[in-house]
Amino acid sequence: MIPLRTQVKFFLTTAEGVDLAAFAPVFQRWIQQKSLEGQLVDVADYRHVFEGPSIVLIGYDSDYTIENRAGRLGLVYTRKRQLDPDLPTQLRTSIRLALTAARLLESEKSFTPRLKFIGSEFELRFADRLQLPNKPESVALVRGDLSAVLTELYGEDGAYALPIKQDARYPLAFKVKADAEVSITDLLLRQPVAK
């Protein structure tokens, strides 16, 4: 079983002083320069939505969103199409693409102050309530694959994943927290090489 949509959110160290409007021209440039994998199509501005998506880079297979859900500003990568043979591969791909976009944002000089993401914490959501309803059985179904991928990323006993809000009205989501601080760049270097 592979869920149709997976989301990975890496949080910014601070939201203070971040100009949300500045993301739109950056994302538009990424489309022109083909800065990320896949076909990028458009940029949408949803800053009027309270604690929702702010700026969305829309792609054919994936979206990249600056989101302020629960008052925590961060970058959400959404895998919209099923292109991977199994759940561990889908998780690795989603995390790698989220990290790649976060590192690109950290290197953008147009942001003052410069953006910095937290590498030791992220949120993983399975936005496919039909295949993976937010129930204990679904947690048990994905826990082994998620643990294996987190071990590759953070080492043995280096991170844990706790379900967030066990309620069928919400997508199945996990808070991932590592024991030690780690940079986005270091996490990218730890990604397994594709076979």
N, C-alpha and C. Protein backbone atom coordinates (compact mmCIF):
# COMPACT_ATOMS: atom_id res chain seq x y z
N MET A 1 0.84 -1.17 0.00
CA MET A 1 0.00 0.00 0.00
C MET A 1 0.89 1.24 0.00
N ILE A 2 0.64 2.13 -0.95
CA ILE A 2 1.36 3.39 -1.03
C ILE A 2 0.32 4.51 -1.07
N PRO A 3 0.38 5.46 -0.13
CA PRO A 3 -0.58 6.55 -0.18
C PRO A 3 -0.36 7.42 -1.42
N LEU A 4 -1.44 8.01 -1.88
CA LEU A 4 -1.35 8.83 -3.08
C LEU A 4 -0.56 10.11 -2.84
N ARG A 5 -0.80 10.77 -1.71
CA ARG A 5 -0.13 12.05 -1.44
C ARG A 5 0.62 12.00 -0.11
N THR A 6 1.87 12.42 -0.15
CA THR A 6 2.70 12.53 1.04
C THR A 6 3.13 13.98 1.17
N GLN A 7 3.15 14.49 2.39
CA GLN A 7 3.61 15.86 2.63
C GLN A 7 4.72 15.85 3.68
N VAL A 8 5.74 16.67 3.44
CA VAL A 8 6.84 16.84 4.39
C VAL A 8 6.98 18.33 4.65
N LYS A 9 6.97 18.72 5.93
CA LYS A 9 7.12 20.14 6.28
C LYS A 9 8.35 20.33 7.15
N PHE A 10 9.29 21.15 6.64
CA PHE A 10 10.43 21.60 7.44
C PHE A 10 10.15 23.02 7.90
N PHE A 11 10.42 23.29 9.16
CA PHE A 11 10.08 24.57 9.78
C PHE A 11 11.25 25.55 9.70
N LEU A 12 10.89 26.83 9.55
CA LEU A 12 11.90 27.89 9.64
C LEU A 12 12.23 28.11 11.11
N THR A 13 13.46 28.54 11.37
CA THR A 13 13.86 28.79 12.77
C THR A 13 13.06 29.94 13.36
N THR A 14 12.67 30.90 12.53
CA THR A 14 11.84 32.01 12.99
C THR A 14 11.01 32.53 11.84
N ALA A 15 9.81 33.00 12.17
CA ALA A 15 8.95 33.60 11.15
C ALA A 15 9.01 35.13 11.23
N GLU A 16 9.65 35.61 12.27
CA GLU A 16 9.72 37.05 12.50
C GLU A 16 10.53 37.73 11.40
N GLY A 17 9.94 38.75 10.79
CA GLY A 17 10.63 39.53 9.77
C GLY A 17 10.65 38.90 8.39
N VAL A 18 10.01 37.74 8.21
CA VAL A 18 10.00 37.08 6.90
C VAL A 18 8.88 37.69 6.06
N ASP A 19 9.24 38.22 4.90
CA ASP A 19 8.27 38.82 3.98
C ASP A 19 7.72 37.71 3.07
N LEU A 20 6.48 37.29 3.32
CA LEU A 20 5.89 36.19 2.56
C LEU A 20 5.79 36.50 1.07
N ALA A 21 5.55 37.76 0.73
CA ALA A 21 5.43 38.15 -0.67
C ALA A 21 6.72 37.90 -1.44
N ALA A 22 7.85 37.87 -0.75
CA ALA A 22 9.15 37.68 -1.41
C ALA A 22 9.32 36.28 -1.98
N PHE A 23 8.50 35.32 -1.52
CA PHE A 23 8.62 33.96 -2.04
C PHE A 23 8.12 33.84 -3.48
N ALA A 24 7.13 34.63 -3.86
CA ALA A 24 6.54 34.52 -5.20
C ALA A 24 7.57 34.73 -6.31
N PRO A 25 8.34 35.83 -6.30
CA PRO A 25 9.32 35.99 -7.38
C PRO A 25 10.43 34.94 -7.35
N VAL A 26 10.76 34.45 -6.17
CA VAL A 26 11.77 33.38 -6.07
C VAL A 26 11.24 32.12 -6.73
N PHE A 27 10.01 31.74 -6.41
CA PHE A 27 9.41 30.56 -7.01
C PHE A 27 9.24 30.71 -8.52
N GLN A 28 8.89 31.91 -8.96
CA GLN A 28 8.75 32.14 -10.41
C GLN A 28 10.10 31.97 -11.12
N ARG A 29 11.16 32.43 -10.48
CA ARG A 29 12.50 32.25 -11.05
C ARG A 29 12.87 30.77 -11.09
N TRP A 30 12.48 30.02 -10.06
CA TRP A 30 12.77 28.59 -10.04
C TRP A 30 12.10 27.88 -11.21
N ILE A 31 10.89 28.31 -11.56
CA ILE A 31 10.21 27.72 -12.73
C ILE A 31 11.04 27.99 -13.98
N GLN A 32 11.44 29.24 -14.17
CA GLN A 32 12.19 29.63 -15.37
C GLN A 32 13.53 28.91 -15.46
N GLN A 33 14.21 28.76 -14.32
CA GLN A 33 15.55 28.17 -14.31
C GLN A 33 15.52 26.65 -14.10
N LYS A 34 14.33 26.09 -13.95
CA LYS A 34 14.19 24.64 -13.70
C LYS A 34 15.08 24.22 -12.52
N SER A 35 14.92 24.94 -11.41
CA SER A 35 15.77 24.75 -10.23
C SER A 35 15.49 23.47 -9.47
N LEU A 36 14.30 22.90 -9.64
CA LEU A 36 13.91 21.68 -8.92
C LEU A 36 13.52 20.60 -9.91
N GLU A 37 13.54 19.36 -9.45
CA GLU A 37 13.13 18.23 -10.29
C GLU A 37 11.65 18.34 -10.63
N GLY A 38 11.29 17.81 -11.76
CA GLY A 38 9.89 17.77 -12.15
C GLY A 38 9.47 19.02 -12.91
N GLN A 39 8.25 18.98 -13.39
CA GLN A 39 7.70 20.09 -14.17
C GLN A 39 6.99 21.07 -13.24
N LEU A 40 7.55 22.27 -13.10
CA LEU A 40 6.95 23.33 -12.30
C LEU A 40 6.10 24.19 -13.22
N VAL A 41 4.90 24.56 -12.76
CA VAL A 41 3.91 25.16 -13.65
C VAL A 41 3.58 26.61 -13.31
N ASP A 42 3.30 26.92 -12.04
CA ASP A 42 2.77 28.24 -11.71
C ASP A 42 3.02 28.54 -10.23
N VAL A 43 2.75 29.82 -9.86
CA VAL A 43 2.84 30.25 -8.48
C VAL A 43 1.50 30.87 -8.09
N ALA A 44 0.99 30.49 -6.93
CA ALA A 44 -0.29 31.02 -6.45
C ALA A 44 -0.08 31.71 -5.10
N ASP A 45 -0.78 32.82 -4.90
CA ASP A 45 -0.68 33.60 -3.67
C ASP A 45 -1.95 33.39 -2.84
N TYR A 46 -1.79 32.77 -1.67
CA TYR A 46 -2.91 32.52 -0.76
C TYR A 46 -2.65 33.18 0.59
N ARG A 47 -1.93 34.27 0.60
CA ARG A 47 -1.60 34.92 1.88
C ARG A 47 -2.83 35.36 2.66
N HIS A 48 -3.98 35.48 2.00
CA HIS A 48 -5.21 35.89 2.66
C HIS A 48 -5.81 34.76 3.52
N VAL A 49 -5.33 33.54 3.38
CA VAL A 49 -5.85 32.40 4.14
C VAL A 49 -5.17 32.36 5.51
N PHE A 50 -5.95 32.43 6.57
CA PHE A 50 -5.41 32.44 7.92
C PHE A 50 -4.76 31.09 8.25
N GLU A 51 -3.51 31.14 8.69
CA GLU A 51 -2.74 29.95 9.07
C GLU A 51 -2.83 28.84 8.02
N GLY A 52 -2.81 29.21 6.78
CA GLY A 52 -2.88 28.23 5.70
C GLY A 52 -1.70 28.37 4.78
N PRO A 53 -1.89 27.95 3.55
CA PRO A 53 -0.81 28.13 2.57
C PRO A 53 -0.65 29.62 2.28
N SER A 54 0.57 30.06 2.10
CA SER A 54 0.81 31.48 1.78
C SER A 54 1.13 31.62 0.30
N ILE A 55 2.25 31.05 -0.10
CA ILE A 55 2.68 31.07 -1.49
C ILE A 55 2.90 29.62 -1.92
N VAL A 56 2.33 29.23 -3.06
CA VAL A 56 2.43 27.85 -3.52
C VAL A 56 3.11 27.80 -4.88
N LEU A 57 4.16 26.99 -4.98
CA LEU A 57 4.81 26.69 -6.25
C LEU A 57 4.17 25.39 -6.74
N ILE A 58 3.38 25.50 -7.80
CA ILE A 58 2.57 24.39 -8.28
C ILE A 58 3.34 23.63 -9.36
N GLY A 59 3.42 22.33 -9.20
CA GLY A 59 4.07 21.49 -10.18
C GLY A 59 3.14 20.39 -10.65
N TYR A 60 3.56 19.67 -11.67
CA TYR A 60 2.76 18.58 -12.20
C TYR A 60 2.71 17.40 -11.22
N ASP A 61 3.87 17.01 -10.69
CA ASP A 61 3.94 15.89 -9.76
C ASP A 61 3.97 16.32 -8.30
N SER A 62 4.43 17.56 -8.06
CA SER A 62 4.67 18.02 -6.70
C SER A 62 4.34 19.49 -6.56
N ASP A 63 4.00 19.89 -5.32
CA ASP A 63 3.84 21.30 -4.98
C ASP A 63 4.79 21.63 -3.83
N TYR A 64 5.20 22.89 -3.80
CA TYR A 64 6.03 23.42 -2.71
C TYR A 64 5.28 24.62 -2.15
N THR A 65 5.00 24.59 -0.84
CA THR A 65 4.15 25.61 -0.22
C THR A 65 4.85 26.22 0.98
N ILE A 66 4.78 27.54 1.08
CA ILE A 66 5.16 28.22 2.31
C ILE A 66 3.89 28.29 3.14
N GLU A 67 3.91 27.65 4.30
CA GLU A 67 2.70 27.45 5.10
C GLU A 67 2.93 27.92 6.53
N ASN A 68 1.86 28.43 7.13
CA ASN A 68 1.94 28.93 8.50
C ASN A 68 0.92 28.24 9.41
N ARG A 69 0.69 26.96 9.17
CA ARG A 69 -0.28 26.21 9.98
C ARG A 69 0.18 26.17 11.44
N ALA A 70 -0.78 26.36 12.34
CA ALA A 70 -0.53 26.35 13.78
C ALA A 70 0.53 27.38 14.17
N GLY A 71 0.65 28.43 13.39
CA GLY A 71 1.59 29.50 13.72
C GLY A 71 3.04 29.17 13.50
N ARG A 72 3.34 28.08 12.79
CA ARG A 72 4.74 27.69 12.53
C ARG A 72 5.00 27.77 11.04
N LEU A 73 5.78 28.75 10.66
CA LEU A 73 6.10 28.97 9.25
C LEU A 73 7.10 27.93 8.78
N GLY A 74 6.84 27.39 7.60
CA GLY A 74 7.75 26.40 7.05
C GLY A 74 7.45 26.10 5.59
N LEU A 75 8.24 25.20 5.04
CA LEU A 75 8.11 24.77 3.66
C LEU A 75 7.49 23.38 3.64
N VAL A 76 6.39 23.23 2.89
CA VAL A 76 5.72 21.94 2.76
C VAL A 76 5.94 21.43 1.34
N TYR A 77 6.47 20.23 1.24
CA TYR A 77 6.57 19.54 -0.05
C TYR A 77 5.40 18.56 -0.11
N THR A 78 4.64 18.59 -1.21
CA THR A 78 3.52 17.65 -1.40
C THR A 78 3.77 16.82 -2.65
N ARG A 79 3.83 15.52 -2.47
CA ARG A 79 3.95 14.58 -3.59
C ARG A 79 2.55 14.25 -4.04
N LYS A 80 2.16 14.69 -5.24
CA LYS A 80 0.78 14.56 -5.70
C LYS A 80 0.53 13.32 -6.55
N ARG A 81 1.55 12.76 -7.12
CA ARG A 81 1.37 11.61 -8.00
C ARG A 81 2.22 10.45 -7.50
N GLN A 82 1.73 9.27 -7.68
CA GLN A 82 2.44 8.08 -7.23
C GLN A 82 3.43 7.63 -8.30
N LEU A 83 4.69 7.88 -8.03
CA LEU A 83 5.75 7.53 -8.97
C LEU A 83 6.74 6.52 -8.40
N ASP A 84 6.57 6.15 -7.14
CA ASP A 84 7.55 5.29 -6.46
C ASP A 84 7.01 3.88 -6.30
N PRO A 85 7.89 2.88 -6.28
CA PRO A 85 7.44 1.48 -6.21
C PRO A 85 6.95 1.04 -4.83
N ASP A 86 7.38 1.75 -3.77
CA ASP A 86 6.98 1.35 -2.43
C ASP A 86 7.03 2.55 -1.49
N LEU A 87 6.51 2.37 -0.28
CA LEU A 87 6.42 3.48 0.67
C LEU A 87 7.79 4.00 1.11
N PRO A 88 8.78 3.14 1.43
CA PRO A 88 10.08 3.69 1.81
C PRO A 88 10.69 4.59 0.72
N THR A 89 10.57 4.18 -0.54
CA THR A 89 11.10 5.00 -1.64
C THR A 89 10.34 6.31 -1.73
N GLN A 90 9.03 6.26 -1.57
CA GLN A 90 8.24 7.49 -1.60
C GLN A 90 8.64 8.44 -0.47
N LEU A 91 8.86 7.90 0.73
CA LEU A 91 9.28 8.73 1.86
C LEU A 91 10.65 9.35 1.60
N ARG A 92 11.60 8.53 1.12
CA ARG A 92 12.95 9.06 0.83
C ARG A 92 12.88 10.17 -0.21
N THR A 93 12.12 9.95 -1.28
CA THR A 93 12.00 10.94 -2.35
C THR A 93 11.37 12.22 -1.83
N SER A 94 10.29 12.10 -1.08
CA SER A 94 9.61 13.28 -0.56
C SER A 94 10.51 14.08 0.37
N ILE A 95 11.22 13.39 1.26
CA ILE A 95 12.12 14.07 2.18
C ILE A 95 13.26 14.73 1.42
N ARG A 96 13.83 14.03 0.45
CA ARG A 96 14.95 14.59 -0.34
C ARG A 96 14.53 15.84 -1.10
N LEU A 97 13.35 15.80 -1.72
CA LEU A 97 12.89 16.96 -2.49
C LEU A 97 12.55 18.13 -1.58
N ALA A 98 12.00 17.86 -0.40
CA ALA A 98 11.73 18.92 0.58
C ALA A 98 13.04 19.54 1.05
N LEU A 99 14.04 18.71 1.34
CA LEU A 99 15.34 19.21 1.78
C LEU A 99 16.03 20.02 0.69
N THR A 100 15.92 19.58 -0.56
CA THR A 100 16.52 20.29 -1.68
C THR A 100 15.94 21.70 -1.81
N ALA A 101 14.62 21.81 -1.72
CA ALA A 101 13.97 23.13 -1.81
C ALA A 101 14.33 23.99 -0.60
N ALA A 102 14.39 23.39 0.59
CA ALA A 102 14.77 24.16 1.79
C ALA A 102 16.19 24.70 1.67
N ARG A 103 17.09 23.86 1.17
CA ARG A 103 18.48 24.33 1.00
C ARG A 103 18.56 25.45 -0.04
N LEU A 104 17.78 25.34 -1.12
CA LEU A 104 17.75 26.42 -2.11
C LEU A 104 17.24 27.72 -1.49
N LEU A 105 16.22 27.63 -0.65
CA LEU A 105 15.70 28.82 0.01
C LEU A 105 16.73 29.41 0.97
N GLU A 106 17.46 28.55 1.67
CA GLU A 106 18.52 29.05 2.57
C GLU A 106 19.60 29.80 1.80
N SER A 107 19.83 29.42 0.56
CA SER A 107 20.89 30.06 -0.24
C SER A 107 20.41 31.32 -0.96
N GLU A 108 19.11 31.61 -0.91
CA GLU A 108 18.55 32.79 -1.57
C GLU A 108 19.00 34.06 -0.85
N LYS A 109 19.63 34.96 -1.58
CA LYS A 109 20.12 36.21 -0.99
C LYS A 109 19.04 37.28 -0.93
N SER A 110 17.89 37.04 -1.55
CA SER A 110 16.84 38.06 -1.58
C SER A 110 16.07 38.16 -0.27
N PHE A 111 16.30 37.23 0.67
CA PHE A 111 15.61 37.27 1.96
C PHE A 111 16.49 37.94 3.01
N THR A 112 15.89 38.93 3.70
CA THR A 112 16.57 39.58 4.81
C THR A 112 15.63 39.56 5.99
N PRO A 113 15.95 38.87 7.07
CA PRO A 113 17.17 38.08 7.26
C PRO A 113 17.15 36.81 6.40
N ARG A 114 18.33 36.21 6.25
CA ARG A 114 18.43 34.97 5.48
C ARG A 114 17.60 33.88 6.15
N LEU A 115 17.03 33.01 5.34
CA LEU A 115 16.20 31.93 5.85
C LEU A 115 17.06 30.81 6.40
N LYS A 116 16.57 30.19 7.47
CA LYS A 116 17.27 29.05 8.07
C LYS A 116 16.21 28.05 8.52
N PHE A 117 16.37 26.80 8.10
CA PHE A 117 15.42 25.74 8.44
C PHE A 117 15.98 24.86 9.55
N ILE A 118 15.08 24.27 10.31
CA ILE A 118 15.43 23.34 11.38
C ILE A 118 15.56 21.95 10.77
N GLY A 119 16.72 21.33 10.87
CA GLY A 119 16.92 20.00 10.32
C GLY A 119 16.55 18.89 11.27
N SER A 120 16.47 19.20 12.56
CA SER A 120 16.23 18.16 13.56
C SER A 120 14.76 17.92 13.85
N GLU A 121 13.88 18.59 13.10
CA GLU A 121 12.45 18.40 13.32
C GLU A 121 11.70 18.62 12.01
N PHE A 122 10.75 17.75 11.73
CA PHE A 122 9.85 17.98 10.60
C PHE A 122 8.54 17.26 10.84
N GLU A 123 7.58 17.59 10.01
CA GLU A 123 6.26 16.97 10.10
C GLU A 123 6.03 16.17 8.82
N LEU A 124 5.52 14.97 8.98
CA LEU A 124 5.20 14.10 7.85
C LEU A 124 3.71 13.84 7.87
N ARG A 125 3.05 14.12 6.74
CA ARG A 125 1.60 13.92 6.65
C ARG A 125 1.30 12.98 5.49
N PHE A 126 0.32 12.12 5.71
CA PHE A 126 -0.21 11.27 4.65
C PHE A 126 -1.59 11.84 4.30
N ALA A 127 -1.63 12.66 3.27
CA ALA A 127 -2.87 13.38 2.91
C ALA A 127 -3.74 12.53 2.00
N ASP A 128 -3.92 11.29 2.39
CA ASP A 128 -4.73 10.34 1.63
C ASP A 128 -5.60 9.59 2.63
N ARG A 129 -6.70 10.22 3.05
CA ARG A 129 -7.53 9.67 4.11
C ARG A 129 -8.30 8.42 3.68
N LEU A 130 -8.41 8.20 2.38
CA LEU A 130 -9.11 7.00 1.92
C LEU A 130 -8.24 5.76 2.14
N GLN A 131 -6.98 5.82 1.69
CA GLN A 131 -6.09 4.67 1.85
C GLN A 131 -5.49 4.58 3.24
N LEU A 132 -5.23 5.74 3.88
CA LEU A 132 -4.60 5.76 5.20
C LEU A 132 -5.40 6.66 6.14
N PRO A 133 -6.55 6.19 6.63
CA PRO A 133 -7.30 7.01 7.58
C PRO A 133 -6.49 7.19 8.87
N ASN A 134 -6.75 8.26 9.57
CA ASN A 134 -6.01 8.56 10.79
C ASN A 134 -6.53 7.70 11.94
N LYS A 135 -6.06 6.45 11.94
CA LYS A 135 -6.46 5.46 12.93
C LYS A 135 -5.22 4.70 13.39
N PRO A 136 -5.27 4.07 14.56
CA PRO A 136 -4.11 3.31 15.05
C PRO A 136 -3.64 2.24 14.07
N GLU A 137 -4.56 1.63 13.30
CA GLU A 137 -4.16 0.60 12.35
C GLU A 137 -3.26 1.17 11.26
N SER A 138 -3.52 2.40 10.84
CA SER A 138 -2.69 3.05 9.83
C SER A 138 -1.31 3.38 10.38
N VAL A 139 -1.27 3.83 11.64
CA VAL A 139 0.01 4.10 12.28
C VAL A 139 0.86 2.83 12.29
N ALA A 140 0.25 1.72 12.68
CA ALA A 140 0.97 0.45 12.71
C ALA A 140 1.43 0.03 11.32
N LEU A 141 0.64 0.35 10.31
CA LEU A 141 0.95 -0.03 8.93
C LEU A 141 2.20 0.68 8.40
N VAL A 142 2.40 1.95 8.75
CA VAL A 142 3.52 2.73 8.20
C VAL A 142 4.71 2.83 9.14
N ARG A 143 4.54 2.47 10.40
CA ARG A 143 5.59 2.71 11.40
C ARG A 143 6.93 2.05 11.03
N GLY A 144 6.92 0.83 10.55
CA GLY A 144 8.16 0.13 10.21
C GLY A 144 8.92 0.81 9.09
N ASP A 145 8.22 1.17 8.02
CA ASP A 145 8.87 1.85 6.90
C ASP A 145 9.38 3.22 7.31
N LEU A 146 8.58 3.94 8.10
CA LEU A 146 8.99 5.27 8.56
C LEU A 146 10.22 5.17 9.45
N SER A 147 10.25 4.21 10.35
CA SER A 147 11.41 4.03 11.24
C SER A 147 12.68 3.72 10.45
N ALA A 148 12.55 2.87 9.42
CA ALA A 148 13.72 2.52 8.61
C ALA A 148 14.27 3.75 7.89
N VAL A 149 13.40 4.58 7.33
CA VAL A 149 13.84 5.78 6.62
C VAL A 149 14.46 6.78 7.59
N LEU A 150 13.87 6.93 8.78
CA LEU A 150 14.43 7.85 9.77
C LEU A 150 15.79 7.38 10.27
N THR A 151 15.98 6.07 10.37
CA THR A 151 17.28 5.53 10.77
C THR A 151 18.33 5.86 9.72
N GLU A 152 18.00 5.76 8.44
CA GLU A 152 18.92 6.15 7.38
C GLU A 152 19.28 7.63 7.48
N LEU A 153 18.31 8.44 7.85
CA LEU A 153 18.50 9.88 7.87
C LEU A 153 19.22 10.37 9.12
N TYR A 154 18.86 9.83 10.28
CA TYR A 154 19.38 10.34 11.54
C TYR A 154 20.24 9.34 12.32
N GLY A 155 20.36 8.12 11.83
CA GLY A 155 21.14 7.10 12.55
C GLY A 155 20.27 6.33 13.52
N GLU A 156 20.83 5.25 14.05
CA GLU A 156 20.11 4.41 15.01
C GLU A 156 19.71 5.24 16.23
N ASP A 157 18.46 5.13 16.62
CA ASP A 157 17.93 5.85 17.79
C ASP A 157 18.17 7.35 17.70
N GLY A 158 18.34 7.88 16.47
CA GLY A 158 18.62 9.30 16.32
C GLY A 158 17.38 10.15 16.20
N ALA A 159 16.22 9.55 15.91
CA ALA A 159 14.98 10.31 15.77
C ALA A 159 13.79 9.43 16.10
N TYR A 160 12.72 10.06 16.49
CA TYR A 160 11.49 9.33 16.75
C TYR A 160 10.34 10.03 16.04
N ALA A 161 9.27 9.29 15.78
CA ALA A 161 8.09 9.83 15.11
C ALA A 161 6.86 9.57 15.98
N LEU A 162 6.17 10.63 16.34
CA LEU A 162 4.98 10.50 17.16
C LEU A 162 3.75 10.93 16.35
N PRO A 163 2.68 10.13 16.38
CA PRO A 163 1.47 10.55 15.67
C PRO A 163 0.93 11.86 16.24
N ILE A 164 0.40 12.70 15.36
CA ILE A 164 -0.19 13.98 15.77
C ILE A 164 -1.71 13.85 15.68
N LYS A 165 -2.40 14.22 16.73
CA LYS A 165 -3.86 14.32 16.73
C LYS A 165 -4.53 13.10 16.11
N GLN A 166 -4.60 12.02 16.86
CA GLN A 166 -5.26 10.80 16.39
C GLN A 166 -6.77 11.05 16.31
N ASP A 167 -7.21 11.49 15.15
CA ASP A 167 -8.60 11.85 14.92
C ASP A 167 -8.89 11.66 13.43
N ALA A 168 -9.88 10.86 13.11
CA ALA A 168 -10.17 10.51 11.72
C ALA A 168 -10.56 11.71 10.87
N ARG A 169 -10.89 12.84 11.50
CA ARG A 169 -11.24 14.04 10.73
C ARG A 169 -10.01 14.72 10.13
N TYR A 170 -8.82 14.34 10.59
CA TYR A 170 -7.58 14.95 10.13
C TYR A 170 -6.73 13.92 9.41
N PRO A 171 -5.84 14.36 8.52
CA PRO A 171 -4.93 13.41 7.86
C PRO A 171 -3.99 12.78 8.89
N LEU A 172 -3.55 11.57 8.61
CA LEU A 172 -2.56 10.91 9.44
C LEU A 172 -1.26 11.71 9.35
N ALA A 173 -0.72 12.11 10.49
CA ALA A 173 0.49 12.93 10.50
C ALA A 173 1.39 12.52 11.66
N PHE A 174 2.70 12.72 11.46
CA PHE A 174 3.69 12.40 12.47
C PHE A 174 4.59 13.60 12.70
N LYS A 175 4.94 13.82 13.95
CA LYS A 175 5.98 14.79 14.29
C LYS A 175 7.27 14.00 14.42
N VAL A 176 8.26 14.38 13.62
CA VAL A 176 9.56 13.71 13.66
C VAL A 176 10.52 14.63 14.38
N LYS A 177 11.22 14.10 15.37
CA LYS A 177 12.16 14.89 16.17
C LYS A 177 13.44 14.10 16.36
N ALA A 178 14.56 14.73 16.05
CA ALA A 178 15.87 14.10 16.22
C ALA A 178 16.45 14.50 17.57
N ASP A 179 17.36 13.67 18.08
CA ASP A 179 17.99 13.94 19.37
C ASP A 179 19.03 15.05 19.29
N ALA A 180 19.63 15.24 18.12
CA ALA A 180 20.70 16.23 17.98
C ALA A 180 20.38 17.20 16.85
N GLU A 181 20.90 18.41 16.95
CA GLU A 181 20.74 19.40 15.89
C GLU A 181 21.50 18.94 14.64
N VAL A 182 20.92 19.22 13.51
CA VAL A 182 21.54 18.85 12.23
C VAL A 182 21.08 19.85 11.19
N SER A 183 21.94 20.19 10.26
CA SER A 183 21.59 21.16 9.23
C SER A 183 20.87 20.47 8.06
N ILE A 184 20.19 21.29 7.28
CA ILE A 184 19.51 20.81 6.08
C ILE A 184 20.55 20.22 5.11
N THR A 185 21.68 20.89 4.96
CA THR A 185 22.73 20.41 4.06
C THR A 185 23.25 19.04 4.51
N ASP A 186 23.48 18.87 5.81
CA ASP A 186 23.95 17.57 6.32
C ASP A 186 22.93 16.47 6.07
N LEU A 187 21.65 16.79 6.23
CA LEU A 187 20.61 15.78 5.97
C LEU A 187 20.61 15.37 4.50
N LEU A 188 20.81 16.34 3.61
CA LEU A 188 20.87 16.01 2.18
C LEU A 188 22.05 15.09 1.88
N LEU A 189 23.16 15.31 2.53
CA LEU A 189 24.34 14.47 2.32
C LEU A 189 24.13 13.05 2.84
N ARG A 190 23.24 12.87 3.79
CA ARG A 190 22.96 11.55 4.35
C ARG A 190 21.96 10.75 3.53
N GLN A 191 21.35 11.34 2.54
CA GLN A 191 20.37 10.65 1.72
C GLN A 191 21.03 9.49 0.98
N PRO A 192 20.38 8.33 0.98
CA PRO A 192 20.96 7.21 0.25
C PRO A 192 21.01 7.49 -1.24
N VAL A 193 22.02 6.95 -1.90
CA VAL A 193 22.17 7.13 -3.33
C VAL A 193 21.12 6.28 -4.05
N ALA A 194 20.43 6.86 -5.02
CA ALA A 194 19.42 6.12 -5.79
C ALA A 194 20.07 5.00 -6.57
N LYS A 195 19.40 3.84 -6.61
CA LYS A 195 19.96 2.67 -7.31
C LYS A 195 19.50 2.63 -8.74
